[in-house]
């Protein structure tokens, strides 16, 4: 939807990704989510006089790895600054961030929208500390509270260029960005817990105009679905304003999920409003050559690597590839199962994206917590490929494995009595009997209605208790009927 009534939308995204460190960025307080309010705090993250920050090395490494993954230039000397603003959730009265000398600059992310690759520029990636959280619920509606547990949690702020032209592109960008962070094990990507948050800057302009329109900022949208809905609504709202002869105001707006609209929050600040200046308590951050080269060498598997393997080397269908790439745990499970059954990647993918995914859909840990081990699934698919069990019998075995009543697929198949019987004489007799007793269906088949073969296969399987390979039944039936 790049063209809305003669207008073009221009979108830039700012993502705040919580980095997976055990302690905060400038102190030793834990970063674990869900603790009792104000229990993970200390004089440093509360901004007590005389308390000095000490930079967390692990947070720096996470940010540099991400910068390398998206082709950024790593500034081996960067500076922390104080961003001054006065909200209750900011205990020091300023936020330690990076401004004119960020850690990473000038990267790029390529996203796929409707089969077309789109390069999206990334202006900068910098480190900063999170703020606390204002709470507006309690027994007294006239009071608000603040939980400072999140204050000082390490964030990487990732700022895109205004290269996105539609909500669909914005969502594709966010999905790929989140996948990269998860593959790097730098962020868990949990939008509901606030560890992957998005602010969107959006404006509209007449198609063909190069100058940017007045932008608004949409704050802290916590799902891909709401990102798309908020952008769609805001684009249409701005076009309505301009079409009526008005002017779009530069402001910060919130997405109202219930009313399905954006609403004003406050006037949009500019960088000079924050009165940035270098933090006198922190030395410049220096990433020396040896440190940087080590991080380059440690480059892990990335979503693009897995996508290339699944598409190019294994030839999997596009929907399967998308699911196995975006869900890293599911993709890892697929690779482990495939190592046991390397000759049939399509069958493995089909089992994983359907049966395994359904089994772990609401499980904590996803596919990593699947009760059916990937090695066992690979072995089960191997039994099907070898003609030991049919697909229907394999499903029964899978449910036994999932329930914990068995761990070895071969043993489970034997116990359930679903192993196929290789008795060509019995199969031939059953086929002849079904043909003899199904005159109407046989006539339809020979008249060109080939789909009735399914009914005839089912009749043969029923006579033999399902203990024959349906493929063999189908082949023998066709030979008899076509003779």
Foldseek 3Di string as FASTA:
>chain_A
DQADPQKWKWKKKKKKAFFPDQAFFFDRFGLDPDDDFQPRDDCVLLQPPPDFGDGDVSLLLLQLLLLVVQPWDFDQWFFWKWFADDDPQRNNRTWTWGDPGFGTAWGWDWFADPNDTDIWTWGGKHKIADTWDKAQDDPDNVDIDTGGSRRRRIIIIIIIDRRDTALRSVLRVLLQSLLQSVQSSTGPSQLVRPNIWMKMWMFMDRPPDDDTAAIEIEGTDRDSVQSRLARVQVHVVRVVQVVVVHGDAHAYWYQDPVVSYIDGDGHDDDSVVRVMDTDPSDDIRGQDPVNSVVSVVPNGDGLVNQLCCCCPVVNEDPVLSVVLSSPVLLVVLLVLLCVLVVPCSRVSSVCSVPVQCVLQVPPVVRSVPQLQRSNQVSVLVVCCVVQQAEPVLSVVLVVCSRVVVDHHSVVSSVVVVRTADPDVVLLVVLLVVLCVVPVVLLVCCVVPPVVSLVVSLVSSCVVVVVRGYSVVSSVVNCVVSVD
